[in-house]
Amino acid sequence: MNTDNSFKRTGIKRVIAAFGNTNKGIYWMLKNEAAFRQEAVLLCLLSGVSLFLDVTALERVLLICSVLFVLLIETLNTAIEAVVDRIGFEFHQLSGLAKDLGSAAVFISFIIASLVWGAILCF
């Protein structure tokens, strides 16, 4: 591990580099993860729908953020899977558990998004 701070970016260069890493990550997810692509399409569709709903600005933000939350959790789930796969492909109970828990987190995020949309649209 390099502990020499002379190679670390600072200021705006660090921000630009971080943004580049973010773009690489999102591009990789869109290219390689079908679930992320489907959820991104869902985000686009539901964000558009939210613009036509008779809701407050705060409610619209909550509607959109609830779907963004699903994308966030999907990204974290994929990160967990990548780390587990990096360690090894042989079966291990804890590896399977980590992947199952990541999947459960995605499911819970869908429940949260559904509850937010249901609560705002029905009340």
N, C-alpha and C. Protein backbone atom coordinates (compact mmCIF):
# COMPACT_ATOMS: atom_id res chain seq x y z
N MET A 1 0.84 -1.18 0.00
CA MET A 1 0.00 0.00 0.00
C MET A 1 0.88 1.24 0.00
N ASN A 2 0.60 2.15 -0.90
CA ASN A 2 1.39 3.37 -1.01
C ASN A 2 0.90 4.38 0.01
N THR A 3 1.76 4.73 0.96
CA THR A 3 1.39 5.72 1.97
C THR A 3 2.00 7.08 1.67
N ASP A 4 2.70 7.20 0.55
CA ASP A 4 3.29 8.46 0.14
C ASP A 4 2.20 9.39 -0.37
N ASN A 5 1.97 10.49 0.33
CA ASN A 5 0.89 11.41 -0.03
C ASN A 5 1.23 12.31 -1.20
N SER A 6 2.45 12.22 -1.73
CA SER A 6 2.83 13.10 -2.83
C SER A 6 2.07 12.79 -4.12
N PHE A 7 1.48 11.60 -4.22
CA PHE A 7 0.74 11.22 -5.42
C PHE A 7 -0.75 11.46 -5.28
N LYS A 8 -1.20 11.88 -4.11
CA LYS A 8 -2.64 12.10 -3.91
C LYS A 8 -3.06 13.41 -4.55
N ARG A 9 -4.19 13.35 -5.23
CA ARG A 9 -4.74 14.56 -5.83
C ARG A 9 -5.43 15.37 -4.73
N THR A 10 -5.44 16.67 -4.92
CA THR A 10 -6.12 17.54 -3.97
C THR A 10 -6.96 18.55 -4.74
N GLY A 11 -7.85 19.18 -4.03
CA GLY A 11 -8.67 20.25 -4.61
C GLY A 11 -9.53 19.77 -5.77
N ILE A 12 -9.60 20.60 -6.78
CA ILE A 12 -10.47 20.34 -7.92
C ILE A 12 -10.01 19.11 -8.70
N LYS A 13 -8.69 18.83 -8.73
CA LYS A 13 -8.20 17.65 -9.43
C LYS A 13 -8.74 16.38 -8.78
N ARG A 14 -8.84 16.38 -7.45
CA ARG A 14 -9.40 15.22 -6.75
C ARG A 14 -10.88 15.05 -7.09
N VAL A 15 -11.60 16.16 -7.11
CA VAL A 15 -13.03 16.12 -7.43
C VAL A 15 -13.24 15.60 -8.85
N ILE A 16 -12.44 16.07 -9.79
CA ILE A 16 -12.56 15.63 -11.19
C ILE A 16 -12.24 14.14 -11.30
N ALA A 17 -11.19 13.70 -10.62
CA ALA A 17 -10.84 12.27 -10.65
C ALA A 17 -11.94 11.42 -10.03
N ALA A 18 -12.51 11.89 -8.93
CA ALA A 18 -13.60 11.15 -8.28
C ALA A 18 -14.82 11.06 -9.20
N PHE A 19 -15.11 12.15 -9.90
CA PHE A 19 -16.23 12.15 -10.84
C PHE A 19 -15.98 11.16 -11.97
N GLY A 20 -14.74 11.08 -12.43
CA GLY A 20 -14.39 10.11 -13.47
C GLY A 20 -14.59 8.68 -12.98
N ASN A 21 -14.20 8.41 -11.74
CA ASN A 21 -14.42 7.07 -11.17
C ASN A 21 -15.90 6.77 -11.06
N THR A 22 -16.68 7.75 -10.67
CA THR A 22 -18.13 7.58 -10.58
C THR A 22 -18.71 7.23 -11.94
N ASN A 23 -18.29 7.96 -12.97
CA ASN A 23 -18.78 7.69 -14.32
C ASN A 23 -18.40 6.28 -14.77
N LYS A 24 -17.17 5.85 -14.47
CA LYS A 24 -16.75 4.49 -14.83
C LYS A 24 -17.63 3.45 -14.15
N GLY A 25 -17.94 3.70 -12.88
CA GLY A 25 -18.78 2.76 -12.13
C GLY A 25 -20.19 2.68 -12.69
N ILE A 26 -20.79 3.83 -12.96
CA ILE A 26 -22.15 3.83 -13.51
C ILE A 26 -22.16 3.21 -14.90
N TYR A 27 -21.18 3.54 -15.73
CA TYR A 27 -21.10 2.95 -17.07
C TYR A 27 -20.97 1.43 -16.96
N TRP A 28 -20.11 0.95 -16.05
CA TRP A 28 -19.93 -0.49 -15.89
C TRP A 28 -21.24 -1.15 -15.46
N MET A 29 -21.95 -0.52 -14.53
CA MET A 29 -23.23 -1.08 -14.07
C MET A 29 -24.23 -1.14 -15.22
N LEU A 30 -24.32 -0.08 -16.01
CA LEU A 30 -25.26 -0.07 -17.12
C LEU A 30 -24.90 -1.12 -18.17
N LYS A 31 -23.62 -1.32 -18.39
CA LYS A 31 -23.17 -2.28 -19.40
C LYS A 31 -23.31 -3.73 -18.94
N ASN A 32 -23.06 -3.98 -17.66
CA ASN A 32 -22.92 -5.36 -17.19
C ASN A 32 -24.01 -5.89 -16.27
N GLU A 33 -24.85 -5.04 -15.73
CA GLU A 33 -25.85 -5.48 -14.76
C GLU A 33 -27.26 -5.22 -15.27
N ALA A 34 -27.93 -6.28 -15.70
CA ALA A 34 -29.29 -6.15 -16.24
C ALA A 34 -30.24 -5.55 -15.22
N ALA A 35 -30.12 -5.96 -13.95
CA ALA A 35 -31.02 -5.43 -12.92
C ALA A 35 -30.84 -3.92 -12.78
N PHE A 36 -29.61 -3.44 -12.83
CA PHE A 36 -29.36 -2.00 -12.73
C PHE A 36 -29.96 -1.27 -13.93
N ARG A 37 -29.80 -1.84 -15.12
CA ARG A 37 -30.40 -1.21 -16.31
C ARG A 37 -31.91 -1.12 -16.17
N GLN A 38 -32.53 -2.20 -15.71
CA GLN A 38 -33.99 -2.21 -15.54
C GLN A 38 -34.43 -1.18 -14.51
N GLU A 39 -33.68 -1.08 -13.42
CA GLU A 39 -34.01 -0.12 -12.38
C GLU A 39 -33.76 1.31 -12.86
N ALA A 40 -32.76 1.52 -13.70
CA ALA A 40 -32.50 2.84 -14.27
C ALA A 40 -33.65 3.26 -15.19
N VAL A 41 -34.16 2.31 -15.98
CA VAL A 41 -35.32 2.59 -16.83
C VAL A 41 -36.52 2.92 -15.95
N LEU A 42 -36.70 2.16 -14.87
CA LEU A 42 -37.79 2.42 -13.94
C LEU A 42 -37.66 3.83 -13.35
N LEU A 43 -36.43 4.22 -13.00
CA LEU A 43 -36.19 5.57 -12.48
C LEU A 43 -36.62 6.62 -13.50
N CYS A 44 -36.22 6.44 -14.74
CA CYS A 44 -36.58 7.41 -15.78
C CYS A 44 -38.09 7.50 -15.96
N LEU A 45 -38.72 6.35 -16.03
CA LEU A 45 -40.18 6.33 -16.23
C LEU A 45 -40.92 6.95 -15.05
N LEU A 46 -40.58 6.51 -13.84
CA LEU A 46 -41.30 7.01 -12.67
C LEU A 46 -40.97 8.47 -12.38
N SER A 47 -39.76 8.90 -12.70
CA SER A 47 -39.44 10.33 -12.54
C SER A 47 -40.32 11.16 -13.48
N GLY A 48 -40.48 10.68 -14.71
CA GLY A 48 -41.37 11.36 -15.65
C GLY A 48 -42.80 11.37 -15.18
N VAL A 49 -43.27 10.24 -14.68
CA VAL A 49 -44.63 10.16 -14.15
C VAL A 49 -44.81 11.14 -13.00
N SER A 50 -43.80 11.24 -12.14
CA SER A 50 -43.92 12.12 -10.97
C SER A 50 -44.13 13.58 -11.35
N LEU A 51 -43.64 13.96 -12.53
CA LEU A 51 -43.80 15.34 -12.98
C LEU A 51 -45.25 15.68 -13.28
N PHE A 52 -46.06 14.67 -13.58
CA PHE A 52 -47.46 14.90 -13.93
C PHE A 52 -48.42 14.64 -12.78
N LEU A 53 -47.89 14.23 -11.64
CA LEU A 53 -48.74 13.96 -10.48
C LEU A 53 -49.02 15.25 -9.72
N ASP A 54 -50.19 15.31 -9.14
CA ASP A 54 -50.57 16.47 -8.33
C ASP A 54 -50.04 16.27 -6.91
N VAL A 55 -48.72 16.48 -6.76
CA VAL A 55 -48.06 16.31 -5.48
C VAL A 55 -47.19 17.52 -5.20
N THR A 56 -46.81 17.69 -3.94
CA THR A 56 -45.92 18.81 -3.58
C THR A 56 -44.51 18.52 -4.09
N ALA A 57 -43.69 19.54 -4.06
CA ALA A 57 -42.29 19.38 -4.48
C ALA A 57 -41.59 18.37 -3.58
N LEU A 58 -41.85 18.42 -2.28
CA LEU A 58 -41.23 17.48 -1.35
C LEU A 58 -41.68 16.04 -1.65
N GLU A 59 -42.94 15.86 -1.94
CA GLU A 59 -43.44 14.52 -2.27
C GLU A 59 -42.79 14.02 -3.56
N ARG A 60 -42.63 14.89 -4.53
CA ARG A 60 -41.99 14.51 -5.80
C ARG A 60 -40.54 14.08 -5.55
N VAL A 61 -39.85 14.82 -4.72
CA VAL A 61 -38.47 14.46 -4.37
C VAL A 61 -38.44 13.10 -3.68
N LEU A 62 -39.37 12.87 -2.77
CA LEU A 62 -39.42 11.57 -2.08
C LEU A 62 -39.71 10.43 -3.06
N LEU A 63 -40.59 10.66 -4.00
CA LEU A 63 -40.90 9.64 -5.01
C LEU A 63 -39.65 9.28 -5.81
N ILE A 64 -38.94 10.30 -6.28
CA ILE A 64 -37.75 10.07 -7.10
C ILE A 64 -36.63 9.46 -6.26
N CYS A 65 -36.43 9.98 -5.06
CA CYS A 65 -35.35 9.47 -4.20
C CYS A 65 -35.58 8.03 -3.78
N SER A 66 -36.84 7.64 -3.64
CA SER A 66 -37.11 6.25 -3.25
C SER A 66 -36.65 5.28 -4.34
N VAL A 67 -36.75 5.68 -5.60
CA VAL A 67 -36.28 4.83 -6.70
C VAL A 67 -34.76 4.94 -6.83
N LEU A 68 -34.21 6.12 -6.60
CA LEU A 68 -32.75 6.27 -6.58
C LEU A 68 -32.14 5.38 -5.49
N PHE A 69 -32.86 5.24 -4.38
CA PHE A 69 -32.41 4.38 -3.29
C PHE A 69 -32.26 2.94 -3.76
N VAL A 70 -33.17 2.48 -4.61
CA VAL A 70 -33.07 1.13 -5.17
C VAL A 70 -31.78 1.00 -5.98
N LEU A 71 -31.46 2.01 -6.81
CA LEU A 71 -30.22 1.98 -7.59
C LEU A 71 -28.99 1.98 -6.68
N LEU A 72 -29.05 2.74 -5.62
CA LEU A 72 -27.95 2.78 -4.66
C LEU A 72 -27.71 1.40 -4.06
N ILE A 73 -28.77 0.77 -3.61
CA ILE A 73 -28.62 -0.54 -2.97
C ILE A 73 -28.19 -1.59 -3.99
N GLU A 74 -28.68 -1.50 -5.22
CA GLU A 74 -28.24 -2.42 -6.28
C GLU A 74 -26.75 -2.27 -6.52
N THR A 75 -26.25 -1.04 -6.50
CA THR A 75 -24.83 -0.80 -6.69
C THR A 75 -24.01 -1.40 -5.55
N LEU A 76 -24.47 -1.20 -4.32
CA LEU A 76 -23.78 -1.80 -3.17
C LEU A 76 -23.83 -3.33 -3.22
N ASN A 77 -24.95 -3.88 -3.65
CA ASN A 77 -25.07 -5.33 -3.79
C ASN A 77 -24.06 -5.85 -4.82
N THR A 78 -23.92 -5.16 -5.92
CA THR A 78 -22.96 -5.56 -6.95
C THR A 78 -21.53 -5.44 -6.42
N ALA A 79 -21.27 -4.42 -5.62
CA ALA A 79 -19.94 -4.27 -5.02
C ALA A 79 -19.64 -5.44 -4.09
N ILE A 80 -20.61 -5.85 -3.30
CA ILE A 80 -20.44 -7.01 -2.42
C ILE A 80 -20.13 -8.25 -3.25
N GLU A 81 -20.90 -8.45 -4.31
CA GLU A 81 -20.69 -9.61 -5.17
C GLU A 81 -19.30 -9.59 -5.80
N ALA A 82 -18.84 -8.41 -6.22
CA ALA A 82 -17.52 -8.30 -6.83
C ALA A 82 -16.42 -8.66 -5.84
N VAL A 83 -16.55 -8.19 -4.62
CA VAL A 83 -15.54 -8.50 -3.60
C VAL A 83 -15.54 -9.99 -3.29
N VAL A 84 -16.72 -10.57 -3.14
CA VAL A 84 -16.81 -12.01 -2.86
C VAL A 84 -16.19 -12.81 -4.00
N ASP A 85 -16.52 -12.42 -5.24
CA ASP A 85 -15.97 -13.13 -6.40
C ASP A 85 -14.46 -12.92 -6.52
N ARG A 86 -13.98 -11.78 -6.09
CA ARG A 86 -12.53 -11.51 -6.13
C ARG A 86 -11.79 -12.45 -5.19
N ILE A 87 -12.41 -12.74 -4.07
CA ILE A 87 -11.79 -13.62 -3.07
C ILE A 87 -11.69 -15.04 -3.61
N GLY A 88 -12.73 -15.48 -4.31
CA GLY A 88 -12.69 -16.82 -4.88
C GLY A 88 -14.06 -17.28 -5.31
N PHE A 89 -14.08 -18.19 -6.28
CA PHE A 89 -15.34 -18.69 -6.80
C PHE A 89 -15.79 -19.99 -6.14
N GLU A 90 -14.92 -20.58 -5.31
CA GLU A 90 -15.34 -21.81 -4.64
C GLU A 90 -16.43 -21.49 -3.63
N PHE A 91 -17.30 -22.46 -3.39
CA PHE A 91 -18.43 -22.24 -2.49
C PHE A 91 -17.95 -22.10 -1.05
N HIS A 92 -18.47 -21.10 -0.39
CA HIS A 92 -18.27 -20.93 1.04
C HIS A 92 -19.56 -20.36 1.60
N GLN A 93 -19.98 -20.85 2.75
CA GLN A 93 -21.25 -20.41 3.34
C GLN A 93 -21.30 -18.90 3.52
N LEU A 94 -20.23 -18.31 4.00
CA LEU A 94 -20.24 -16.87 4.24
C LEU A 94 -20.29 -16.07 2.94
N SER A 95 -19.67 -16.59 1.90
CA SER A 95 -19.76 -15.92 0.60
C SER A 95 -21.19 -15.94 0.10
N GLY A 96 -21.81 -17.09 0.21
CA GLY A 96 -23.21 -17.20 -0.19
C GLY A 96 -24.11 -16.30 0.65
N LEU A 97 -23.84 -16.26 1.95
CA LEU A 97 -24.62 -15.41 2.84
C LEU A 97 -24.47 -13.94 2.47
N ALA A 98 -23.25 -13.50 2.18
CA ALA A 98 -23.03 -12.10 1.80
C ALA A 98 -23.83 -11.74 0.56
N LYS A 99 -23.82 -12.63 -0.42
CA LYS A 99 -24.57 -12.38 -1.65
C LYS A 99 -26.08 -12.40 -1.39
N ASP A 100 -26.54 -13.34 -0.56
CA ASP A 100 -27.96 -13.40 -0.23
C ASP A 100 -28.42 -12.15 0.52
N LEU A 101 -27.59 -11.67 1.43
CA LEU A 101 -27.94 -10.47 2.19
C LEU A 101 -27.97 -9.24 1.28
N GLY A 102 -27.06 -9.16 0.33
CA GLY A 102 -27.09 -8.07 -0.63
C GLY A 102 -28.37 -8.10 -1.45
N SER A 103 -28.77 -9.28 -1.86
CA SER A 103 -30.01 -9.44 -2.61
C SER A 103 -31.21 -9.06 -1.75
N ALA A 104 -31.19 -9.45 -0.49
CA ALA A 104 -32.27 -9.09 0.43
C ALA A 104 -32.35 -7.57 0.59
N ALA A 105 -31.20 -6.90 0.62
CA ALA A 105 -31.19 -5.45 0.75
C ALA A 105 -31.86 -4.79 -0.46
N VAL A 106 -31.60 -5.32 -1.65
CA VAL A 106 -32.25 -4.80 -2.85
C VAL A 106 -33.76 -4.98 -2.74
N PHE A 107 -34.19 -6.14 -2.30
CA PHE A 107 -35.62 -6.41 -2.14
C PHE A 107 -36.26 -5.44 -1.14
N ILE A 108 -35.58 -5.22 -0.02
CA ILE A 108 -36.09 -4.29 1.00
C ILE A 108 -36.17 -2.88 0.42
N SER A 109 -35.20 -2.50 -0.41
CA SER A 109 -35.25 -1.16 -1.01
C SER A 109 -36.46 -1.03 -1.94
N PHE A 110 -36.83 -2.11 -2.62
CA PHE A 110 -38.03 -2.09 -3.45
C PHE A 110 -39.28 -1.93 -2.58
N ILE A 111 -39.32 -2.59 -1.45
CA ILE A 111 -40.45 -2.45 -0.53
C ILE A 111 -40.56 -1.01 -0.06
N ILE A 112 -39.42 -0.40 0.30
CA ILE A 112 -39.41 1.00 0.74
C ILE A 112 -39.94 1.91 -0.37
N ALA A 113 -39.45 1.72 -1.59
CA ALA A 113 -39.92 2.55 -2.71
C ALA A 113 -41.41 2.35 -2.95
N SER A 114 -41.87 1.12 -2.86
CA SER A 114 -43.30 0.84 -3.05
C SER A 114 -44.14 1.51 -1.97
N LEU A 115 -43.67 1.46 -0.73
CA LEU A 115 -44.40 2.10 0.37
C LEU A 115 -44.45 3.62 0.19
N VAL A 116 -43.34 4.21 -0.24
CA VAL A 116 -43.32 5.66 -0.46
C VAL A 116 -44.31 6.04 -1.55
N TRP A 117 -44.24 5.34 -2.68
CA TRP A 117 -45.15 5.64 -3.78
C TRP A 117 -46.61 5.39 -3.36
N GLY A 118 -46.85 4.27 -2.68
CA GLY A 118 -48.20 3.97 -2.23
C GLY A 118 -48.73 5.00 -1.26
N ALA A 119 -47.93 5.39 -0.29
CA ALA A 119 -48.36 6.36 0.72
C ALA A 119 -48.66 7.72 0.08
N ILE A 120 -47.81 8.17 -0.83
CA ILE A 120 -48.00 9.49 -1.44
C ILE A 120 -49.19 9.49 -2.40
N LEU A 121 -49.34 8.42 -3.16
CA LEU A 121 -50.42 8.38 -4.14
C LEU A 121 -51.79 8.07 -3.54
N CYS A 122 -51.81 7.38 -2.42
CA CYS A 122 -53.09 6.95 -1.84
C CYS A 122 -53.58 7.85 -0.73
N PHE A 123 -52.73 8.76 -0.23
CA PHE A 123 -53.19 9.58 0.90
C PHE A 123 -53.15 11.04 0.59
